Amino acid sequence: MFSDFPLSVPVNHLADNEVHLWLVDIRDVTSPFISTQWLHLLTDEEQSRMQQFRKLEKQRQFVVARVALRLILNALLRKPSARDIVFALSETNKPFLQHNTQNIQFNLSHSGNVILIAVTRSRQCGVDIEVVNTGRDVVKLAEYYFHKEEYAALRHSEQSPDVMLFYKLWTLKEAFVKADGRGMAIPGDGYYFQKTDSATPQLMITPAVNANQNWLFRHFFYCNEYSAALAVEKTTNHPVEVMVNRLVFPDTDG
């Protein structure tokens, strides 16, 4: 699914039943404005964090991700400048918005040249994206981190080891623990996914883990190079509608 991400500038509307899933490909950003015109949108703390990266490509990735997040959020929040948005961290280090009267939730992940951002209203969300590394020992990793049901599915796949299945499971699991908010405090063998071939993978929670099971999941491969997953909380009986876009940076700083 999500074979096509329509190009869009940040939008100023978000319905309660919608999830806005934004894809940002750094290779789309060809002009030098990220380091000049837009750098002022970052706080002093963010600029300091950027300088801690020694490689220019890592600095660029960080700046593009932070600017994209601020512009997307400020299209909804409508502050005088995207720089005025204030972030904080929960006790489990999950970022959230301060002074959030609109109850907007968000999550961000980046890997390689691609950034993924989810934005919702009044519901938790999580995303994960990973570069597919075909040389990785996925069986060993799955044996250590995955539930036995997932490990068995990986071992008994027609393509053993099934690298793509591994990355599908890995990103689904990461998206879930980020949406839940407790991160790695939830053991990897305390939950597992079934029906991963379907459009809506199903989460199964073991009795040892106390967690909400009312989640919607989506997964896609981007350019056959990246595995990406979305987890979003289902809070009402209304169907969740996932709106996908590929970000175009606007001409103004929002």
Protein backbone atom coordinates (compact mmCIF):
# COMPACT_ATOMS: atom_id res chain seq x y z
CA MET A 1 0.00 0.00 0.00
CA PHE A 2 0.95 3.69 -0.17
CA SER A 3 2.57 3.15 -3.57
CA ASP A 4 2.01 6.82 -4.33
CA PHE A 5 2.71 9.75 -2.02
CA PRO A 6 1.17 12.87 -3.63
CA LEU A 7 3.32 15.99 -3.38
CA SER A 8 1.99 18.57 -0.93
CA VAL A 9 2.98 21.58 1.14
CA PRO A 10 2.00 21.39 4.84
CA VAL A 11 -1.78 21.49 5.30
CA ASN A 12 -3.82 23.49 7.81
CA HIS A 13 -6.55 20.94 8.53
CA LEU A 14 -6.60 17.68 10.49
CA ALA A 15 -9.86 15.88 11.31
CA ASP A 16 -10.20 13.83 14.49
CA ASN A 17 -10.36 10.57 12.53
CA GLU A 18 -7.40 11.39 10.29
CA VAL A 19 -3.74 10.47 10.46
CA HIS A 20 -1.43 12.56 8.31
CA LEU A 21 1.57 10.51 7.24
CA TRP A 22 4.31 12.63 5.69
CA LEU A 23 7.28 11.26 3.79
CA VAL A 24 10.32 13.47 3.31
CA ASP A 25 13.03 12.31 0.91
CA ILE A 26 16.17 14.33 1.54
CA ARG A 27 17.15 13.75 -2.09
CA ASP A 28 14.21 16.03 -3.01
CA VAL A 29 15.93 18.91 -1.21
CA THR A 30 18.40 20.13 -3.80
CA SER A 31 18.74 23.81 -2.89
CA PRO A 32 21.01 25.13 -0.11
CA PHE A 33 18.14 26.80 1.77
CA ILE A 34 18.16 24.17 4.51
CA SER A 35 21.42 25.54 5.85
CA THR A 36 20.64 29.22 5.21
CA GLN A 37 17.05 30.39 4.77
CA TRP A 38 15.56 27.81 7.14
CA LEU A 39 18.21 27.33 9.80
CA HIS A 40 16.73 30.17 11.86
CA LEU A 41 13.65 28.00 12.51
CA LEU A 42 15.73 25.78 14.79
CA THR A 43 16.19 26.68 18.43
CA ASP A 44 19.65 27.27 19.87
CA GLU A 45 19.46 23.81 21.45
CA GLU A 46 18.61 22.19 18.12
CA GLN A 47 21.41 24.03 16.34
CA SER A 48 23.80 22.85 19.04
CA ARG A 49 22.62 19.27 18.51
CA MET A 50 23.17 19.65 14.78
CA GLN A 51 26.77 20.76 15.35
CA GLN A 52 27.44 17.58 17.33
CA PHE A 53 27.19 15.57 14.11
CA ARG A 54 30.61 15.45 12.47
CA LYS A 55 29.41 14.38 9.03
CA LEU A 56 27.68 16.99 6.90
CA GLU A 57 25.14 14.42 5.68
CA LYS A 58 24.07 13.76 9.28
CA GLN A 59 23.76 17.49 9.93
CA ARG A 60 21.64 17.83 6.79
CA GLN A 61 19.43 14.91 7.81
CA PHE A 62 18.86 16.43 11.24
CA VAL A 63 18.07 19.91 9.90
CA VAL A 64 15.69 18.66 7.22
CA ALA A 65 13.86 16.48 9.76
CA ARG A 66 13.47 19.25 12.33
CA VAL A 67 12.46 21.90 9.80
CA ALA A 68 9.96 19.54 8.18
CA LEU A 69 8.43 18.66 11.55
CA ARG A 70 8.14 22.30 12.60
CA LEU A 71 6.58 23.38 9.30
CA ILE A 72 4.06 20.51 9.28
CA LEU A 73 3.02 21.19 12.86
CA ASN A 74 2.88 24.95 12.49
CA ALA A 75 0.54 24.71 9.51
CA LEU A 76 -1.92 23.37 12.10
CA LEU A 77 -0.88 25.41 15.14
CA ARG A 78 -0.53 28.70 13.20
CA LYS A 79 2.05 30.33 15.45
CA PRO A 80 3.84 33.46 14.22
CA SER A 81 6.84 31.30 13.33
CA ALA A 82 7.52 27.58 13.29
CA ARG A 83 10.41 28.35 15.65
CA ASP A 84 7.87 29.25 18.34
CA ILE A 85 6.80 25.62 18.72
CA VAL A 86 8.03 24.23 22.05
CA PHE A 87 8.78 20.53 22.44
CA ALA A 88 9.24 18.56 25.65
CA LEU A 89 10.01 14.96 26.59
CA SER A 90 7.88 12.59 28.62
CA GLU A 91 9.34 10.51 31.45
CA THR A 92 10.03 7.81 28.86
CA ASN A 93 11.64 10.33 26.45
CA LYS A 94 8.75 10.51 24.00
CA PRO A 95 8.60 14.01 22.44
CA PHE A 96 5.38 15.97 22.78
CA LEU A 97 4.09 19.50 22.25
CA GLN A 98 3.87 21.95 25.13
CA HIS A 99 0.91 24.35 25.31
CA ASN A 100 -0.98 21.86 23.15
CA THR A 101 -4.56 23.14 23.25
CA GLN A 102 -5.42 21.29 20.03
CA ASN A 103 -4.21 17.95 21.44
CA ILE A 104 -2.03 17.26 18.41
CA GLN A 105 0.16 14.17 18.63
CA PHE A 106 3.12 13.40 16.41
CA ASN A 107 5.97 11.00 15.87
CA LEU A 108 9.07 11.05 13.67
CA SER A 109 11.53 8.50 12.37
CA HIS A 110 14.40 8.76 9.93
CA SER A 111 16.82 6.38 8.27
CA GLY A 112 19.20 6.99 5.40
CA ASN A 113 17.71 9.64 3.11
CA VAL A 114 14.09 9.30 4.22
CA ILE A 115 12.12 10.86 7.08
CA LEU A 116 8.65 9.73 8.15
CA ILE A 117 6.33 11.92 10.24
CA ALA A 118 2.87 11.05 11.58
CA VAL A 119 0.47 13.66 12.95
CA THR A 120 -2.87 12.97 14.66
CA ARG A 121 -5.35 14.69 16.91
CA SER A 122 -6.33 13.20 20.30
CA ARG A 123 -4.77 9.80 19.60
CA GLN A 124 -1.30 8.36 20.10
CA CYS A 125 0.80 7.45 17.08
CA GLY A 126 4.19 6.01 16.24
CA VAL A 127 6.24 5.53 13.08
CA ASP A 128 9.43 3.73 12.17
CA ILE A 129 11.46 3.59 8.98
CA GLU A 130 14.58 1.53 8.38
CA VAL A 131 16.99 1.04 5.49
CA VAL A 132 16.75 -2.58 4.35
CA ASN A 133 20.17 -4.17 4.86
CA THR A 134 20.24 -7.48 3.00
CA GLY A 135 23.60 -8.39 4.54
CA ARG A 136 22.31 -8.33 8.11
CA ASP A 137 22.05 -11.53 10.15
CA VAL A 138 18.29 -11.17 10.59
CA VAL A 139 17.78 -14.67 11.99
CA LYS A 140 20.13 -14.03 14.90
CA LEU A 141 18.54 -10.67 15.62
CA ALA A 142 15.03 -12.13 15.45
CA GLU A 143 15.97 -14.94 17.81
CA TYR A 144 17.09 -12.39 20.38
CA TYR A 145 14.49 -9.62 19.95
CA PHE A 146 11.34 -11.19 18.49
CA HIS A 147 8.54 -13.26 19.97
CA LYS A 148 8.82 -17.00 19.23
CA GLU A 149 5.83 -16.80 16.87
CA GLU A 150 7.57 -14.16 14.75
CA TYR A 151 10.86 -16.03 14.87
CA ALA A 152 9.15 -19.19 13.66
CA ALA A 153 7.44 -17.31 10.84
CA LEU A 154 10.78 -15.91 9.76
CA ARG A 155 12.52 -19.29 9.85
CA HIS A 156 9.74 -21.11 7.99
CA SER A 157 9.25 -18.52 5.28
CA GLU A 158 9.60 -19.68 1.68
CA GLN A 159 12.55 -17.29 1.42
CA SER A 160 14.63 -18.19 4.42
CA PRO A 161 16.01 -15.99 5.79
CA ASP A 162 13.23 -13.63 4.72
CA VAL A 163 14.92 -10.24 5.06
CA MET A 164 11.85 -8.28 3.95
CA LEU A 165 9.62 -10.03 6.48
CA PHE A 166 12.19 -9.30 9.19
CA TYR A 167 12.16 -5.59 8.40
CA LYS A 168 8.37 -5.54 8.19
CA LEU A 169 8.14 -7.04 11.66
CA TRP A 170 10.95 -4.86 13.01
CA THR A 171 9.35 -1.59 11.90
CA LEU A 172 5.88 -2.65 13.03
CA LYS A 173 7.25 -3.46 16.48
CA GLU A 174 9.19 -0.19 16.68
CA ALA A 175 6.15 1.83 15.58
CA PHE A 176 4.05 0.16 18.29
CA VAL A 177 6.45 0.75 21.19
CA LYS A 178 6.93 4.38 20.09
CA ALA A 179 3.16 4.92 19.92
CA ASP A 180 2.67 3.26 23.32
CA GLY A 181 5.29 5.61 24.70
CA ARG A 182 7.28 3.15 26.78
CA GLY A 183 9.75 2.22 24.06
CA MET A 184 12.15 -0.60 24.84
CA ALA A 185 10.61 -0.98 28.31
CA ILE A 186 8.16 -3.29 26.53
CA PRO A 187 10.06 -6.53 25.89
CA GLY A 188 10.20 -7.63 22.25
CA ASP A 189 8.93 -11.10 23.12
CA GLY A 190 5.97 -9.66 25.05
CA TYR A 191 3.91 -9.08 21.90
CA TYR A 192 3.86 -10.23 18.31
CA PHE A 193 2.21 -9.60 14.96
CA GLN A 194 -0.03 -11.85 12.93
CA LYS A 195 -1.46 -11.48 9.42
CA THR A 196 1.52 -9.46 8.27
CA ASP A 197 0.63 -10.20 4.64
CA SER A 198 -2.67 -8.33 5.01
CA ALA A 199 -3.25 -4.58 4.74
CA THR A 200 -3.93 -4.46 8.50
CA PRO A 201 -1.41 -6.49 10.55
CA GLN A 202 -2.78 -7.61 13.91
CA LEU A 203 -1.08 -7.10 17.25
CA MET A 204 -1.16 -9.85 19.87
CA ILE A 205 -0.22 -9.00 23.47
CA THR A 206 1.03 -11.66 25.90
CA PRO A 207 -0.38 -11.75 29.47
CA ALA A 208 2.97 -10.52 30.80
CA VAL A 209 2.57 -7.13 29.10
CA ASN A 210 0.00 -4.55 30.21
CA ALA A 211 -0.73 -2.59 27.04
CA ASN A 212 -3.58 -1.17 25.01
CA GLN A 213 -4.45 -3.53 22.14
CA ASN A 214 -6.69 -1.08 20.27
CA TRP A 215 -4.30 -0.05 17.49
CA LEU A 216 -4.37 0.30 13.73
CA PHE A 217 -1.22 -0.67 11.83
CA ARG A 218 -0.01 0.05 8.32
CA HIS A 219 3.18 -0.99 6.58
CA PHE A 220 4.83 -0.26 3.25
CA PHE A 221 8.16 -0.59 1.45
CA TYR A 222 9.49 2.59 -0.11
CA CYS A 223 11.52 2.20 -3.33
CA ASN A 224 12.31 -1.36 -2.18
CA GLU A 225 15.04 0.24 -0.06
CA TYR A 226 13.12 1.14 3.09
CA SER A 227 10.67 -0.59 5.38
CA ALA A 228 8.19 1.75 7.07
CA ALA A 229 5.36 1.26 9.56
CA LEU A 230 2.65 3.30 11.25
CA ALA A 231 0.84 2.60 14.52
CA VAL A 232 -2.15 4.71 15.54
CA GLU A 233 -4.52 4.46 18.46
CA LYS A 234 -8.16 3.65 17.67
CA THR A 235 -10.15 5.82 20.10
CA THR A 236 -13.65 5.76 18.58
CA ASN A 237 -15.85 3.60 16.42
CA HIS A 238 -15.16 5.83 13.44
CA PRO A 239 -12.69 4.35 10.91
CA VAL A 240 -9.23 5.86 10.95
CA GLU A 241 -8.32 7.48 7.64
CA VAL A 242 -4.64 7.61 6.77
CA MET A 243 -3.74 10.54 4.52
CA VAL A 244 -0.33 10.21 2.87
CA ASN A 245 1.78 12.97 1.36
CA ARG A 246 5.32 13.64 0.23
CA LEU A 247 6.42 16.97 1.62
CA VAL A 248 7.15 19.95 -0.59
CA PHE A 249 8.83 22.71 1.38
CA PRO A 250 6.82 25.95 1.11
CA ASP A 251 8.27 29.26 0.00
CA THR A 252 7.73 30.85 3.43
CA ASP A 253 8.82 29.66 6.86
CA GLY A 254 5.32 29.25 8.31
